[in-house]
Structure formats: structure tokens, C-alpha cells
Amino acid sequence: MRLTVYADGASRGNPGPAAIGASIRDGSGTELATVSERIGRGTNNQAEYRAAIAGVRKARELGATGIDLRMDSELVVRQLAGLYRVKNPGLQPLYGTLLAELEATGPYTVGHVPRAQNARADSLANAALDAARGTGS
């Protein structure tokens, strides 16, 4: 079963409190599961990678045999496509983990989507940050 993972990370400050969000959908666009959790302190790029890792893992738990990963982070998408090298030492292990998770699942694609098409994942990441602060908004 091929699933689409929409993933987004959020950081308030860079670095600062960080959270991840992911929406896992089937071929018809129905949301099957979500990820929304605070990950402690980190940079926005670290949060982006961790959101993708968590989303891919959740898709695998659901039985995915192929994944279409969609993100609004051009940096992560271009690094996964081999267009940009991963020079930042803090991102290198996250890159390796994400690549291994994708490859272990089966065939995969990685693509950039405009922020508006990633709104659900963004709202899940921000909800985790807001809940941790007790603002509820």
C-alpha cells in the first residue's frame, strides 16, 4: 500500500523549542494517522528532518510498502534528491536516518509542496508547541 506523508517541523527560535507534525494519507487523500509532538530544543531544519522521520515510521506502522514524502522544506527535499550536500554536522545523522527509513519501506518519492498544501502538517507541529506552552491556540 502506497501512502503519502506530509511532514513539517516548527521551531520558535533557531534553535528553540521545537515540534513536529505529519499527516499520513492513503491514495484517495483520506488521513489515516497523524504525528504531533514536541521534540525539545532544536533548529527548524532539525525539526523538519525529525518530522519526516516520524511520519515515515508511522506510515510503515500502517503497512506502507511505498511512500510519497511531501514537505515544504526545500532544503530537506533538495538534500534528499542529492542536489545539495548535507554539510551541517547536526543534520547528517538525521539525513542518514531518514534515507534509511525511506529505503526500508520500499519505493519512494520526495517532493516539495507549497506551504499552503502542507497546512495540516504545519498545524500539527504548531499545536504541539502551543500545547506545551499551555496556550491552547
Protein backbone atom coordinates (compact mmCIF):
# COMPACT_ATOMS: atom_id res chain seq x y z
CA MET A 1 0.00 0.00 0.00
CA ARG A 2 1.43 3.33 -1.07
CA LEU A 3 0.93 6.20 1.39
CA THR A 4 1.65 9.91 1.24
CA VAL A 5 3.37 11.57 4.20
CA TYR A 6 3.07 15.33 4.60
CA ALA A 7 5.65 16.44 7.19
CA ASP A 8 6.61 19.75 8.78
CA GLY A 9 8.77 20.90 11.64
CA ALA A 10 8.50 24.05 13.72
CA SER A 11 10.94 25.89 15.93
CA ARG A 12 10.31 29.03 17.93
CA GLY A 13 13.76 30.47 17.84
CA ASN A 14 16.58 28.89 15.91
CA PRO A 15 17.41 26.94 17.96
CA GLY A 16 14.49 26.99 20.34
CA PRO A 17 11.53 24.91 21.44
CA ALA A 18 10.71 22.61 18.53
CA ALA A 19 7.92 20.27 17.46
CA ILE A 20 6.96 18.02 14.58
CA GLY A 21 3.81 17.30 12.65
CA ALA A 22 2.90 14.77 10.00
CA SER A 23 -0.25 13.68 8.20
CA ILE A 24 -0.30 10.22 6.66
CA ARG A 25 -2.82 9.74 3.84
CA ASP A 26 -3.95 6.97 1.57
CA GLY A 27 -4.26 7.18 -2.22
CA SER A 28 -7.65 8.88 -2.02
CA GLY A 29 -6.33 11.58 0.32
CA THR A 30 -8.00 10.24 3.45
CA GLU A 31 -5.96 10.95 6.56
CA LEU A 32 -5.11 7.65 8.25
CA ALA A 33 -2.90 8.88 11.09
CA THR A 34 -1.07 11.92 12.42
CA VAL A 35 2.03 12.79 14.38
CA SER A 36 2.05 15.87 16.60
CA GLU A 37 4.70 16.10 19.30
CA ARG A 38 7.20 18.36 20.91
CA ILE A 39 10.82 17.28 20.42
CA GLY A 40 12.61 19.60 22.85
CA ARG A 41 15.08 22.19 21.68
CA GLY A 42 16.30 22.26 18.09
CA THR A 43 16.66 24.19 14.88
CA ASN A 44 13.94 24.42 12.28
CA ASN A 45 15.91 22.16 9.92
CA GLN A 46 16.37 19.53 12.62
CA ALA A 47 12.62 19.65 13.27
CA GLU A 48 11.91 19.26 9.55
CA TYR A 49 14.03 16.10 9.38
CA ARG A 50 12.57 14.67 12.58
CA ALA A 51 9.03 15.30 11.32
CA ALA A 52 9.78 13.39 8.12
CA ILE A 53 11.38 10.51 10.06
CA ALA A 54 8.39 10.23 12.42
CA GLY A 55 5.92 10.44 9.54
CA VAL A 56 7.67 7.73 7.54
CA ARG A 57 7.85 5.48 10.61
CA LYS A 58 4.13 5.98 11.25
CA ALA A 59 3.39 5.10 7.62
CA ARG A 60 5.45 1.93 7.98
CA GLU A 61 3.47 1.01 11.12
CA LEU A 62 0.32 1.32 9.00
CA GLY A 63 1.75 -1.15 6.48
CA ALA A 64 3.11 1.16 3.80
CA THR A 65 5.06 -0.57 1.06
CA GLY A 66 5.79 2.69 -0.74
CA ILE A 67 5.89 6.33 0.33
CA ASP A 68 5.47 9.70 -1.28
CA LEU A 69 7.05 12.19 1.13
CA ARG A 70 5.89 15.78 0.69
CA MET A 71 7.43 18.73 2.52
CA ASP A 72 7.61 22.49 2.19
CA SER A 73 11.28 22.45 3.26
CA GLU A 74 13.24 22.98 0.06
CA LEU A 75 16.47 22.26 1.92
CA VAL A 76 15.44 18.76 3.03
CA VAL A 77 13.88 17.90 -0.33
CA ARG A 78 16.96 19.05 -2.24
CA GLN A 79 19.32 17.23 0.13
CA LEU A 80 17.35 14.00 -0.30
CA ALA A 81 17.40 14.48 -4.08
CA GLY A 82 21.18 14.85 -3.98
CA LEU A 83 21.08 18.43 -5.25
CA TYR A 84 22.53 19.82 -2.01
CA ARG A 85 25.18 18.24 0.16
CA VAL A 86 24.43 17.79 3.86
CA LYS A 87 27.27 19.82 5.36
CA ASN A 88 25.75 20.62 8.75
CA PRO A 89 27.01 18.06 11.30
CA GLY A 90 23.73 18.32 13.21
CA LEU A 91 21.74 17.28 10.14
CA GLN A 92 23.98 14.49 8.83
CA PRO A 93 22.72 11.75 11.20
CA LEU A 94 19.10 12.84 10.63
CA TYR A 95 19.61 12.70 6.87
CA GLY A 96 21.05 9.18 7.18
CA THR A 97 18.18 8.01 9.38
CA LEU A 98 15.53 9.44 7.06
CA LEU A 99 17.13 7.92 3.98
CA ALA A 100 17.36 4.51 5.70
CA GLU A 101 13.69 4.70 6.77
CA LEU A 102 12.57 5.57 3.24
CA GLU A 103 14.68 2.83 1.65
CA ALA A 104 13.44 0.23 4.17
CA THR A 105 9.84 0.99 3.26
CA GLY A 106 10.08 0.34 -0.46
CA PRO A 107 9.82 2.61 -3.47
CA TYR A 108 9.61 6.25 -2.52
CA THR A 109 9.43 9.74 -3.92
CA VAL A 110 10.29 13.01 -2.24
CA GLY A 111 8.75 16.24 -3.41
CA HIS A 112 8.41 19.86 -2.46
CA VAL A 113 4.92 21.30 -1.92
CA PRO A 114 3.95 24.91 -1.32
CA ARG A 115 3.33 25.79 2.33
CA ALA A 116 -0.43 26.02 1.65
CA GLN A 117 -0.51 22.35 0.61
CA ASN A 118 1.30 21.40 3.82
CA ALA A 119 -1.03 23.28 6.17
CA ARG A 120 -2.20 20.17 8.05
CA ALA A 121 1.33 19.09 8.99
CA ASP A 122 2.19 22.67 9.92
CA SER A 123 -0.86 22.93 12.19
CA LEU A 124 0.03 19.63 13.89
CA ALA A 125 3.57 20.85 14.63
CA ASN A 126 2.37 24.21 15.93
CA ALA A 127 -0.37 22.59 18.02
CA ALA A 128 2.29 20.54 19.81
CA LEU A 129 4.31 23.69 20.52
CA ASP A 130 1.23 25.58 21.74
CA ALA A 131 0.05 22.72 23.96
CA ALA A 132 3.46 22.50 25.59
CA ARG A 133 3.28 26.21 26.39
CA GLY A 134 -0.26 25.88 27.67
CA THR A 135 -1.67 28.45 25.27
CA GLY A 136 -4.07 26.09 23.57
CA SER A 137 -4.10 28.17 20.39
